[in-house]
Amino acid sequence: MVIAEFGFQILGEADKTLDEQRYDLDRSLYYQDFLREVLKSIWLDNVNVIGALAWTAVDDNEFGDVTQRFGLQTVNRTLGLNGTTGDFARHYKRSFFDYVDFFHKYVAAS
């Protein structure tokens, strides 16, 4: 089994500063709790899980709305000088590093 598209939107994330978006502790805790339960299903219930894909790698245009943020990276969509669009630079969020660390800690060791 491959688990795809698990994650959630933090309400009001689009209105937060870049630093607040990058420190997405709620999403980090969600991923860690979810993945711990997946490990329990593997070890206690013998479920054959071969992958788990977070939704999504980058904040995207989900259902035609860029204010809904699900990503492990945030994208700068702010307006620049003279009304030009932002540079669309991507910035990793805390949840990205915690997600990767989880796999290094629990999966790579098995």
PDB file of N, CA and C in Angstrom:
ATOM      1  N   MET A   1       0.847  -1.169   0.000  1.00  0.00           N
ATOM      2  CA  MET A   1       0.000   0.000   0.000  1.00  0.00           C
ATOM      3  C   MET A   1       0.894   1.233   0.000  1.00  0.00           C
ATOM      4  N   VAL A   2       0.478   2.221  -0.767  1.00  0.00           N
ATOM      5  CA  VAL A   2       1.117   3.530  -0.745  1.00  0.00           C
ATOM      6  C   VAL A   2       0.075   4.525  -0.245  1.00  0.00           C
ATOM      7  N   ILE A   3       0.434   5.283   0.745  1.00  0.00           N
ATOM      8  CA  ILE A   3      -0.458   6.305   1.282  1.00  0.00           C
ATOM      9  C   ILE A   3      -0.128   7.606   0.558  1.00  0.00           C
ATOM     10  N   ALA A   4      -1.117   8.177  -0.086  1.00  0.00           N
ATOM     11  CA  ALA A   4      -0.892   9.395  -0.864  1.00  0.00           C
ATOM     12  C   ALA A   4      -1.776  10.530  -0.348  1.00  0.00           C
ATOM     13  N   GLU A   5      -1.239  11.721  -0.478  1.00  0.00           N
ATOM     14  CA  GLU A   5      -1.972  12.944  -0.196  1.00  0.00           C
ATOM     15  C   GLU A   5      -2.514  13.040   1.219  1.00  0.00           C
ATOM     16  N   PHE A   6      -1.669  12.829   2.200  1.00  0.00           N
ATOM     17  CA  PHE A   6      -2.108  13.098   3.562  1.00  0.00           C
ATOM     18  C   PHE A   6      -1.481  14.406   4.020  1.00  0.00           C
ATOM     19  N   GLY A   7      -2.254  15.198   4.709  1.00  0.00           N
ATOM     20  CA  GLY A   7      -1.811  16.504   5.171  1.00  0.00           C
ATOM     21  C   GLY A   7      -3.025  17.336   5.504  1.00  0.00           C
ATOM     22  N   PHE A   8      -2.811  18.580   5.846  1.00  0.00           N
ATOM     23  CA  PHE A   8      -3.944  19.448   6.135  1.00  0.00           C
ATOM     24  C   PHE A   8      -3.540  20.907   6.002  1.00  0.00           C
ATOM     25  N   GLN A   9      -4.541  21.730   5.890  1.00  0.00           N
ATOM     26  CA  GLN A   9      -4.363  23.167   5.762  1.00  0.00           C
ATOM     27  C   GLN A   9      -4.410  23.811   7.139  1.00  0.00           C
ATOM     28  N   ILE A  10      -3.470  24.688   7.405  1.00  0.00           N
ATOM     29  CA  ILE A  10      -3.495  25.473   8.630  1.00  0.00           C
ATOM     30  C   ILE A  10      -4.315  26.724   8.336  1.00  0.00           C
ATOM     31  N   LEU A  11      -5.390  26.901   9.054  1.00  0.00           N
ATOM     32  CA  LEU A  11      -6.286  28.023   8.789  1.00  0.00           C
ATOM     33  C   LEU A  11      -5.564  29.358   8.918  1.00  0.00           C
ATOM     34  N   GLY A  12      -5.775  30.213   7.952  1.00  0.00           N
ATOM     35  CA  GLY A  12      -5.194  31.546   7.982  1.00  0.00           C
ATOM     36  C   GLY A  12      -3.718  31.605   7.683  1.00  0.00           C
ATOM     37  N   GLU A  13      -3.138  30.521   7.194  1.00  0.00           N
ATOM     38  CA  GLU A  13      -1.695  30.497   6.953  1.00  0.00           C
ATOM     39  C   GLU A  13      -1.268  31.545   5.926  1.00  0.00           C
ATOM     40  N   ALA A  14      -2.101  31.788   4.924  1.00  0.00           N
ATOM     41  CA  ALA A  14      -1.759  32.766   3.883  1.00  0.00           C
ATOM     42  C   ALA A  14      -1.631  34.185   4.444  1.00  0.00           C
ATOM     43  N   ASP A  15      -2.261  34.439   5.587  1.00  0.00           N
ATOM     44  CA  ASP A  15      -2.210  35.769   6.199  1.00  0.00           C
ATOM     45  C   ASP A  15      -1.026  35.934   7.147  1.00  0.00           C
ATOM     46  N   LYS A  16      -0.274  34.883   7.368  1.00  0.00           N
ATOM     47  CA  LYS A  16       0.854  34.942   8.302  1.00  0.00           C
ATOM     48  C   LYS A  16       2.102  35.459   7.605  1.00  0.00           C
ATOM     49  N   THR A  17       3.053  35.930   8.395  1.00  0.00           N
ATOM     50  CA  THR A  17       4.338  36.358   7.849  1.00  0.00           C
ATOM     51  C   THR A  17       5.096  35.140   7.342  1.00  0.00           C
ATOM     52  N   LEU A  18       6.125  35.384   6.557  1.00  0.00           N
ATOM     53  CA  LEU A  18       6.932  34.288   6.035  1.00  0.00           C
ATOM     54  C   LEU A  18       7.510  33.445   7.172  1.00  0.00           C
ATOM     55  N   ASP A  19       8.024  34.091   8.218  1.00  0.00           N
ATOM     56  CA  ASP A  19       8.588  33.346   9.344  1.00  0.00           C
ATOM     57  C   ASP A  19       7.529  32.493  10.034  1.00  0.00           C
ATOM     58  N   GLU A  20       6.327  33.044  10.180  1.00  0.00           N
ATOM     59  CA  GLU A  20       5.244  32.272  10.802  1.00  0.00           C
ATOM     60  C   GLU A  20       4.837  31.101   9.924  1.00  0.00           C
ATOM     61  N   GLN A  21       4.840  31.286   8.620  1.00  0.00           N
ATOM     62  CA  GLN A  21       4.513  30.188   7.704  1.00  0.00           C
ATOM     63  C   GLN A  21       5.581  29.104   7.757  1.00  0.00           C
ATOM     64  N   ARG A  22       6.823  29.517   7.868  1.00  0.00           N
ATOM     65  CA  ARG A  22       7.921  28.543   7.884  1.00  0.00           C
ATOM     66  C   ARG A  22       7.948  27.737   9.180  1.00  0.00           C
ATOM     67  N   TYR A  23       7.467  28.311  10.259  1.00  0.00           N
ATOM     68  CA  TYR A  23       7.431  27.592  11.542  1.00  0.00           C
ATOM     69  C   TYR A  23       6.037  26.989  11.719  1.00  0.00           C
ATOM     70  N   ASP A  24       5.757  25.955  10.951  1.00  0.00           N
ATOM     71  CA  ASP A  24       4.423  25.343  10.943  1.00  0.00           C
ATOM     72  C   ASP A  24       4.394  24.119  11.865  1.00  0.00           C
ATOM     73  N   LEU A  25       4.482  24.387  13.147  1.00  0.00           N
ATOM     74  CA  LEU A  25       4.546  23.323  14.142  1.00  0.00           C
ATOM     75  C   LEU A  25       3.323  22.407  14.093  1.00  0.00           C
ATOM     76  N   ASP A  26       2.140  22.960  13.882  1.00  0.00           N
ATOM     77  CA  ASP A  26       0.932  22.119  13.836  1.00  0.00           C
ATOM     78  C   ASP A  26       1.027  21.060  12.737  1.00  0.00           C
ATOM     79  N   ARG A  27       1.515  21.460  11.574  1.00  0.00           N
ATOM     80  CA  ARG A  27       1.656  20.501  10.474  1.00  0.00           C
ATOM     81  C   ARG A  27       2.733  19.467  10.802  1.00  0.00           C
ATOM     82  N   SER A  28       3.830  19.902  11.393  1.00  0.00           N
ATOM     83  CA  SER A  28       4.892  18.968  11.786  1.00  0.00           C
ATOM     84  C   SER A  28       4.367  17.907  12.751  1.00  0.00           C
ATOM     85  N   LEU A  29       3.629  18.352  13.756  1.00  0.00           N
ATOM     86  CA  LEU A  29       3.083  17.403  14.737  1.00  0.00           C
ATOM     87  C   LEU A  29       2.087  16.443  14.084  1.00  0.00           C
ATOM     88  N   TYR A  30       1.272  16.965  13.160  1.00  0.00           N
ATOM     89  CA  TYR A  30       0.319  16.116  12.445  1.00  0.00           C
ATOM     90  C   TYR A  30       1.064  15.018  11.676  1.00  0.00           C
ATOM     91  N   TYR A  31       2.082  15.406  10.900  1.00  0.00           N
ATOM     92  CA  TYR A  31       2.822  14.413  10.117  1.00  0.00           C
ATOM     93  C   TYR A  31       3.472  13.369  11.014  1.00  0.00           C
ATOM     94  N   GLN A  32       4.079  13.808  12.105  1.00  0.00           N
ATOM     95  CA  GLN A  32       4.738  12.857  12.993  1.00  0.00           C
ATOM     96  C   GLN A  32       3.740  11.896  13.619  1.00  0.00           C
ATOM     97  N   ASP A  33       2.603  12.400  14.071  1.00  0.00           N
ATOM     98  CA  ASP A  33       1.575  11.530  14.649  1.00  0.00           C
ATOM     99  C   ASP A  33       1.029  10.561  13.612  1.00  0.00           C
ATOM    100  N   PHE A  34       0.745  11.063  12.419  1.00  0.00           N
ATOM    101  CA  PHE A  34       0.213  10.219  11.356  1.00  0.00           C
ATOM    102  C   PHE A  34       1.204   9.109  11.006  1.00  0.00           C
ATOM    103  N   LEU A  35       2.462   9.469  10.827  1.00  0.00           N
ATOM    104  CA  LEU A  35       3.472   8.485  10.449  1.00  0.00           C
ATOM    105  C   LEU A  35       3.753   7.479  11.563  1.00  0.00           C
ATOM    106  N   ARG A  36       3.654   7.896  12.816  1.00  0.00           N
ATOM    107  CA  ARG A  36       3.799   6.932  13.917  1.00  0.00           C
ATOM    108  C   ARG A  36       2.681   5.885  13.867  1.00  0.00           C
ATOM    109  N   GLU A  37       1.470   6.329  13.551  1.00  0.00           N
ATOM    110  CA  GLU A  37       0.353   5.384  13.433  1.00  0.00           C
ATOM    111  C   GLU A  37       0.548   4.443  12.244  1.00  0.00           C
ATOM    112  N   VAL A  38       1.146   4.946  11.172  1.00  0.00           N
ATOM    113  CA  VAL A  38       1.461   4.084  10.028  1.00  0.00           C
ATOM    114  C   VAL A  38       2.471   3.018  10.455  1.00  0.00           C
ATOM    115  N   LEU A  39       3.489   3.426  11.207  1.00  0.00           N
ATOM    116  CA  LEU A  39       4.466   2.444  11.690  1.00  0.00           C
ATOM    117  C   LEU A  39       3.811   1.392  12.580  1.00  0.00           C
ATOM    118  N   LYS A  40       2.877   1.819  13.409  1.00  0.00           N
ATOM    119  CA  LYS A  40       2.154   0.851  14.244  1.00  0.00           C
ATOM    120  C   LYS A  40       1.404  -0.150  13.381  1.00  0.00           C
ATOM    121  N   SER A  41       0.776   0.335  12.311  1.00  0.00           N
ATOM    122  CA  SER A  41       0.034  -0.584  11.446  1.00  0.00           C
ATOM    123  C   SER A  41       0.979  -1.569  10.766  1.00  0.00           C
ATOM    124  N   ILE A  42       2.186  -1.133  10.455  1.00  0.00           N
ATOM    125  CA  ILE A  42       3.166  -2.023   9.831  1.00  0.00           C
ATOM    126  C   ILE A  42       3.624  -3.087  10.824  1.00  0.00           C
ATOM    127  N   TRP A  43       4.039  -2.656  12.007  1.00  0.00           N
ATOM    128  CA  TRP A  43       4.647  -3.568  12.964  1.00  0.00           C
ATOM    129  C   TRP A  43       3.627  -4.368  13.774  1.00  0.00           C
ATOM    130  N   LEU A  44       2.495  -3.791  14.096  1.00  0.00           N
ATOM    131  CA  LEU A  44       1.514  -4.498  14.921  1.00  0.00           C
ATOM    132  C   LEU A  44       0.475  -5.267  14.101  1.00  0.00           C
ATOM    133  N   ASP A  45       0.129  -4.740  12.924  1.00  0.00           N
ATOM    134  CA  ASP A  45      -0.935  -5.351  12.131  1.00  0.00           C
ATOM    135  C   ASP A  45      -0.444  -5.941  10.818  1.00  0.00           C
ATOM    136  N   ASN A  46       0.860  -5.907  10.588  1.00  0.00           N
ATOM    137  CA  ASN A  46       1.468  -6.464   9.377  1.00  0.00           C
ATOM    138  C   ASN A  46       0.922  -5.874   8.075  1.00  0.00           C
ATOM    139  N   VAL A  47       0.597  -4.589   8.089  1.00  0.00           N
ATOM    140  CA  VAL A  47       0.151  -3.916   6.871  1.00  0.00           C
ATOM    141  C   VAL A  47       1.387  -3.623   6.024  1.00  0.00           C
ATOM    142  N   ASN A  48       1.312  -3.955   4.745  1.00  0.00           N
ATOM    143  CA  ASN A  48       2.444  -3.771   3.841  1.00  0.00           C
ATOM    144  C   ASN A  48       2.408  -2.359   3.248  1.00  0.00           C
ATOM    145  N   VAL A  49       2.992  -1.410   3.966  1.00  0.00           N
ATOM    146  CA  VAL A  49       3.053  -0.026   3.508  1.00  0.00           C
ATOM    147  C   VAL A  49       4.430   0.197   2.902  1.00  0.00           C
ATOM    148  N   ILE A  50       4.460   0.626   1.632  1.00  0.00           N
ATOM    149  CA  ILE A  50       5.744   0.829   0.961  1.00  0.00           C
ATOM    150  C   ILE A  50       6.043   2.307   0.700  1.00  0.00           C
ATOM    151  N   GLY A  51       5.111   3.183   1.048  1.00  0.00           N
ATOM    152  CA  GLY A  51       5.366   4.603   0.842  1.00  0.00           C
ATOM    153  C   GLY A  51       4.303   5.470   1.473  1.00  0.00           C
ATOM    154  N   ALA A  52       4.678   6.710   1.769  1.00  0.00           N
ATOM    155  CA  ALA A  52       3.755   7.701   2.325  1.00  0.00           C
ATOM    156  C   ALA A  52       4.150   9.057   1.758  1.00  0.00           C
ATOM    157  N   LEU A  53       3.230   9.655   1.023  1.00  0.00           N
ATOM    158  CA  LEU A  53       3.508  10.910   0.337  1.00  0.00           C
ATOM    159  C   LEU A  53       2.713  12.046   0.962  1.00  0.00           C
ATOM    160  N   ALA A  54       3.422  13.020   1.486  1.00  0.00           N
ATOM    161  CA  ALA A  54       2.764  14.175   2.091  1.00  0.00           C
ATOM    162  C   ALA A  54       2.104  15.019   1.008  1.00  0.00           C
ATOM    163  N   TRP A  55       0.972  15.607   1.329  1.00  0.00           N
ATOM    164  CA  TRP A  55       0.321  16.528   0.400  1.00  0.00           C
ATOM    165  C   TRP A  55       0.496  17.929   0.937  1.00  0.00           C
ATOM    166  N   THR A  56       1.209  18.673   0.332  1.00  0.00           N
ATOM    167  CA  THR A  56       1.918  18.610  -0.917  1.00  0.00           C
ATOM    168  C   THR A  56       3.329  19.137  -0.706  1.00  0.00           C
ATOM    169  N   ALA A  57       4.205  18.919  -1.665  1.00  0.00           N
ATOM    170  CA  ALA A  57       5.581  19.382  -1.514  1.00  0.00           C
ATOM    171  C   ALA A  57       5.662  20.909  -1.483  1.00  0.00           C
ATOM    172  N   VAL A  58       4.847  21.570  -2.296  1.00  0.00           N
ATOM    173  CA  VAL A  58       4.893  23.019  -2.412  1.00  0.00           C
ATOM    174  C   VAL A  58       3.473  23.556  -2.316  1.00  0.00           C
ATOM    175  N   ASP A  59       3.299  24.694  -1.629  1.00  0.00           N
ATOM    176  CA  ASP A  59       1.992  25.346  -1.643  1.00  0.00           C
ATOM    177  C   ASP A  59       1.594  25.550  -3.097  1.00  0.00           C
ATOM    178  N   ASP A  60       0.382  25.150  -3.423  1.00  0.00           N
ATOM    179  CA  ASP A  60      -0.023  25.156  -4.822  1.00  0.00           C
ATOM    180  C   ASP A  60      -1.334  25.906  -5.020  1.00  0.00           C
ATOM    181  N   ASN A  61      -1.840  25.848  -6.218  1.00  0.00           N
ATOM    182  CA  ASN A  61      -3.100  26.481  -6.564  1.00  0.00           C
ATOM    183  C   ASN A  61      -4.200  25.424  -6.401  1.00  0.00           C
ATOM    184  N   GLU A  62      -4.500  25.110  -5.167  1.00  0.00           N
ATOM    185  CA  GLU A  62      -5.453  24.059  -4.848  1.00  0.00           C
ATOM    186  C   GLU A  62      -6.880  24.533  -5.101  1.00  0.00           C
ATOM    187  N   PHE A  63      -7.566  23.891  -6.003  1.00  0.00           N
ATOM    188  CA  PHE A  63      -8.955  24.207  -6.322  1.00  0.00           C
ATOM    189  C   PHE A  63      -9.121  25.667  -6.727  1.00  0.00           C
ATOM    190  N   GLY A  64      -8.113  26.220  -7.437  1.00  0.00           N
ATOM    191  CA  GLY A  64      -8.203  27.587  -7.930  1.00  0.00           C
ATOM    192  C   GLY A  64      -8.000  28.661  -6.881  1.00  0.00           C
ATOM    193  N   ASP A  65      -7.395  28.300  -5.747  1.00  0.00           N
ATOM    194  CA  ASP A  65      -7.247  29.248  -4.645  1.00  0.00           C
ATOM    195  C   ASP A  65      -5.859  29.115  -4.040  1.00  0.00           C
ATOM    196  N   VAL A  66      -5.021  30.139  -4.201  1.00  0.00           N
ATOM    197  CA  VAL A  66      -3.656  30.070  -3.679  1.00  0.00           C
ATOM    198  C   VAL A  66      -3.569  30.373  -2.190  1.00  0.00           C
ATOM    199  N   THR A  67      -4.700  30.725  -1.557  1.00  0.00           N
ATOM    200  CA  THR A  67      -4.655  31.009  -0.124  1.00  0.00           C
ATOM    201  C   THR A  67      -4.733  29.750   0.710  1.00  0.00           C
ATOM    202  N   GLN A  68      -5.093  28.628   0.108  1.00  0.00           N
ATOM    203  CA  GLN A  68      -5.116  27.362   0.838  1.00  0.00           C
ATOM    204  C   GLN A  68      -3.710  26.769   0.774  1.00  0.00           C
ATOM    205  N   ARG A  69      -3.097  26.638   1.915  1.00  0.00           N
ATOM    206  CA  ARG A  69      -1.700  26.200   1.965  1.00  0.00           C
ATOM    207  C   ARG A  69      -1.612  24.810   2.583  1.00  0.00           C
ATOM    208  N   PHE A  70      -1.036  23.889   1.841  1.00  0.00           N
ATOM    209  CA  PHE A  70      -0.863  22.518   2.318  1.00  0.00           C
ATOM    210  C   PHE A  70       0.607  22.091   2.307  1.00  0.00           C
ATOM    211  N   GLY A  71       1.483  22.886   1.712  1.00  0.00           N
ATOM    212  CA  GLY A  71       2.820  22.450   1.353  1.00  0.00           C
ATOM    213  C   GLY A  71       3.853  22.377   2.451  1.00  0.00           C
ATOM    214  N   LEU A  72       4.903  21.627   2.121  1.00  0.00           N
ATOM    215  CA  LEU A  72       6.099  21.552   2.941  1.00  0.00           C
ATOM    216  C   LEU A  72       7.051  22.709   2.618  1.00  0.00           C
ATOM    217  N   GLN A  73       6.715  23.438   1.570  1.00  0.00           N
ATOM    218  CA  GLN A  73       7.408  24.662   1.212  1.00  0.00           C
ATOM    219  C   GLN A  73       6.356  25.741   1.021  1.00  0.00           C
ATOM    220  N   THR A  74       6.707  26.967   1.328  1.00  0.00           N
ATOM    221  CA  THR A  74       5.815  28.079   1.046  1.00  0.00           C
ATOM    222  C   THR A  74       6.361  28.832  -0.156  1.00  0.00           C
ATOM    223  N   VAL A  75       5.478  29.402  -0.929  1.00  0.00           N
ATOM    224  CA  VAL A  75       5.858  30.127  -2.140  1.00  0.00           C
ATOM    225  C   VAL A  75       5.525  31.605  -1.956  1.00  0.00           C
ATOM    226  N   ASN A  76       6.486  32.480  -2.235  1.00  0.00           N
ATOM    227  CA  ASN A  76       6.278  33.917  -2.116  1.00  0.00           C
ATOM    228  C   ASN A  76       5.405  34.397  -3.273  1.00  0.00           C
ATOM    229  N   ARG A  77       4.170  34.739  -2.955  1.00  0.00           N
ATOM    230  CA  ARG A  77       3.250  35.250  -3.972  1.00  0.00           C
ATOM    231  C   ARG A  77       2.886  36.711  -3.712  1.00  0.00           C
ATOM    232  N   THR A  78       3.663  37.392  -2.902  1.00  0.00           N
ATOM    233  CA  THR A  78       3.349  38.780  -2.569  1.00  0.00           C
ATOM    234  C   THR A  78       3.630  39.682  -3.769  1.00  0.00           C
ATOM    235  N   LEU A  79       2.994  40.833  -3.790  1.00  0.00           N
ATOM    236  CA  LEU A  79       3.230  41.784  -4.863  1.00  0.00           C
ATOM    237  C   LEU A  79       4.541  42.510  -4.638  1.00  0.00           C
ATOM    238  N   GLY A  80       5.267  42.693  -5.714  1.00  0.00           N
ATOM    239  CA  GLY A  80       6.516  43.416  -5.653  1.00  0.00           C
ATOM    240  C   GLY A  80       6.288  44.901  -5.901  1.00  0.00           C
ATOM    241  N   LEU A  81       7.330  45.605  -6.251  1.00  0.00           N
ATOM    242  CA  LEU A  81       7.245  47.039  -6.530  1.00  0.00           C
ATOM    243  C   LEU A  81       6.391  47.287  -7.774  1.00  0.00           C
ATOM    244  N   ASN A  82       5.678  48.369  -7.768  1.00  0.00           N
ATOM    245  CA  ASN A  82       4.857  48.789  -8.909  1.00  0.00           C
ATOM    246  C   ASN A  82       3.812  47.747  -9.311  1.00  0.00           C
ATOM    247  N   GLY A  83       3.363  46.948  -8.355  1.00  0.00           N
ATOM    248  CA  GLY A  83       2.305  45.983  -8.632  1.00  0.00           C
ATOM    249  C   GLY A  83       2.751  44.731  -9.350  1.00  0.00           C
ATOM    250  N   THR A  84       4.066  44.544  -9.525  1.00  0.00           N
ATOM    251  CA  THR A  84       4.540  43.324 -10.174  1.00  0.00           C
ATOM    252  C   THR A  84       4.368  42.153  -9.219  1.00  0.00           C
ATOM    253  N   THR A  85       4.337  40.971  -9.768  1.00  0.00           N
ATOM    254  CA  THR A  85       4.163  39.792  -8.918  1.00  0.00           C
ATOM    255  C   THR A  85       5.444  39.486  -8.170  1.00  0.00           C
ATOM    256  N   GLY A  86       5.318  38.677  -7.126  1.00  0.00           N
ATOM    257  CA  GLY A  86       6.468  38.286  -6.324  1.00  0.00           C
ATOM    258  C   GLY A  86       7.425  37.420  -7.115  1.00  0.00           C
ATOM    259  N   ASP A  87       8.524  37.074  -6.515  1.00  0.00           N
ATOM    260  CA  ASP A  87       9.533  36.292  -7.224  1.00  0.00           C
ATOM    261  C   ASP A  87       9.240  34.797  -7.189  1.00  0.00           C
ATOM    262  N   PHE A  88       8.181  34.403  -6.512  1.00  0.00           N
ATOM    263  CA  PHE A  88       7.773  33.005  -6.391  1.00  0.00           C
ATOM    264  C   PHE A  88       8.875  32.143  -5.774  1.00  0.00           C
ATOM    265  N   ALA A  89       9.696  32.745  -4.929  1.00  0.00           N
ATOM    266  CA  ALA A  89      10.742  31.995  -4.243  1.00  0.00           C
ATOM    267  C   ALA A  89      10.096  30.991  -3.290  1.00  0.00           C
ATOM    268  N   ARG A  90      10.688  29.829  -3.203  1.00  0.00           N
ATOM    269  CA  ARG A  90      10.201  28.786  -2.308  1.00  0.00           C
ATOM    270  C   ARG A  90      11.054  28.768  -1.050  1.00  0.00           C
ATOM    271  N   HIS A  91      10.380  28.548   0.078  1.00  0.00           N
ATOM    272  CA  HIS A  91      11.071  28.475   1.367  1.00  0.00           C
ATOM    273  C   HIS A  91      10.582  27.221   2.083  1.00  0.00           C
ATOM    274  N   TYR A  92      11.524  26.393   2.513  1.00  0.00           N
ATOM    275  CA  TYR A  92      11.139  25.197   3.258  1.00  0.00           C
ATOM    276  C   TYR A  92      10.508  25.569   4.583  1.00  0.00           C
ATOM    277  N   LYS A  93       9.517  24.790   4.981  1.00  0.00           N
ATOM    278  CA  LYS A  93       8.868  24.960   6.276  1.00  0.00           C
ATOM    279  C   LYS A  93       9.465  23.949   7.252  1.00  0.00           C
ATOM    280  N   ARG A  94       9.231  24.183   8.518  1.00  0.00           N
ATOM    281  CA  ARG A  94       9.703  23.264   9.544  1.00  0.00           C
ATOM    282  C   ARG A  94       9.209  21.847   9.277  1.00  0.00           C
ATOM    283  N   SER A  95       7.955  21.716   8.809  1.00  0.00           N
ATOM    284  CA  SER A  95       7.373  20.395   8.576  1.00  0.00           C
ATOM    285  C   SER A  95       8.195  19.586   7.571  1.00  0.00           C
ATOM    286  N   PHE A  96       8.829  20.246   6.608  1.00  0.00           N
ATOM    287  CA  PHE A  96       9.678  19.535   5.650  1.00  0.00           C
ATOM    288  C   PHE A  96      10.824  18.835   6.368  1.00  0.00           C
ATOM    289  N   PHE A  97      11.520  19.574   7.210  1.00  0.00           N
ATOM    290  CA  PHE A  97      12.678  19.017   7.904  1.00  0.00           C
ATOM    291  C   PHE A  97      12.260  17.931   8.890  1.00  0.00           C
ATOM    292  N   ASP A  98      11.145  18.140   9.592  1.00  0.00           N
ATOM    293  CA  ASP A  98      10.658  17.125  10.523  1.00  0.00           C
ATOM    294  C   ASP A  98      10.207  15.864   9.782  1.00  0.00           C
ATOM    295  N   TYR A  99       9.609  16.028   8.608  1.00  0.00           N
ATOM    296  CA  TYR A  99       9.168  14.898   7.777  1.00  0.00           C
ATOM    297  C   TYR A  99      10.374  14.067   7.349  1.00  0.00           C
ATOM    298  N   VAL A 100      11.411  14.741   6.844  1.00  0.00           N
ATOM    299  CA  VAL A 100      12.626  14.042   6.414  1.00  0.00           C
ATOM    300  C   VAL A 100      13.311  13.381   7.606  1.00  0.00           C
ATOM    301  N   ASP A 101      13.406  14.095   8.720  1.00  0.00           N
ATOM    302  CA  ASP A 101      14.041  13.535   9.917  1.00  0.00           C
ATOM    303  C   ASP A 101      13.324  12.286  10.404  1.00  0.00           C
ATOM    304  N   PHE A 102      11.993  12.275  10.299  1.00  0.00           N
ATOM    305  CA  PHE A 102      11.229  11.107  10.721  1.00  0.00           C
ATOM    306  C   PHE A 102      11.682   9.864   9.940  1.00  0.00           C
ATOM    307  N   PHE A 103      11.800  10.003   8.627  1.00  0.00           N
ATOM    308  CA  PHE A 103      12.208   8.860   7.805  1.00  0.00           C
ATOM    309  C   PHE A 103      13.635   8.444   8.111  1.00  0.00           C
ATOM    310  N   HIS A 104      14.522   9.405   8.344  1.00  0.00           N
ATOM    311  CA  HIS A 104      15.894   9.049   8.710  1.00  0.00           C
ATOM    312  C   HIS A 104      15.940   8.308  10.039  1.00  0.00           C
ATOM    313  N   LYS A 105      15.115   8.728  10.955  1.00  0.00           N
ATOM    314  CA  LYS A 105      15.129   8.135  12.298  1.00  0.00           C
ATOM    315  C   LYS A 105      14.483   6.742  12.327  1.00  0.00           C
ATOM    316  N   TYR A 106      13.326   6.601  11.700  1.00  0.00           N
ATOM    317  CA  TYR A 106      12.568   5.368  11.847  1.00  0.00           C
ATOM    318  C   TYR A 106      12.650   4.418  10.674  1.00  0.00           C
ATOM    319  N   VAL A 107      12.777   4.926   9.482  1.00  0.00           N
ATOM    320  CA  VAL A 107      12.737   4.046   8.318  1.00  0.00           C
ATOM    321  C   VAL A 107      14.145   3.602   7.926  1.00  0.00           C
ATOM    322  N   ALA A 108      15.064   4.511   7.894  1.00  0.00           N
ATOM    323  CA  ALA A 108      16.431   4.176   7.491  1.00  0.00           C
ATOM    324  C   ALA A 108      17.070   3.200   8.486  1.00  0.00           C
ATOM    325  N   ALA A 109      16.638   3.237   9.728  1.00  0.00           N
ATOM    326  CA  ALA A 109      17.211   2.375  10.763  1.00  0.00           C
ATOM    327  C   ALA A 109      16.698   0.941  10.676  1.00  0.00           C
ATOM    328  N   SER A 110      15.564   0.720   9.966  1.00  0.00           N
ATOM    329  CA  SER A 110      15.023  -0.646   9.925  1.00  0.00           C
ATOM    330  C   SER A 110      15.612  -1.483   8.839  1.00  0.00           C
TER     331      SER A 110
END
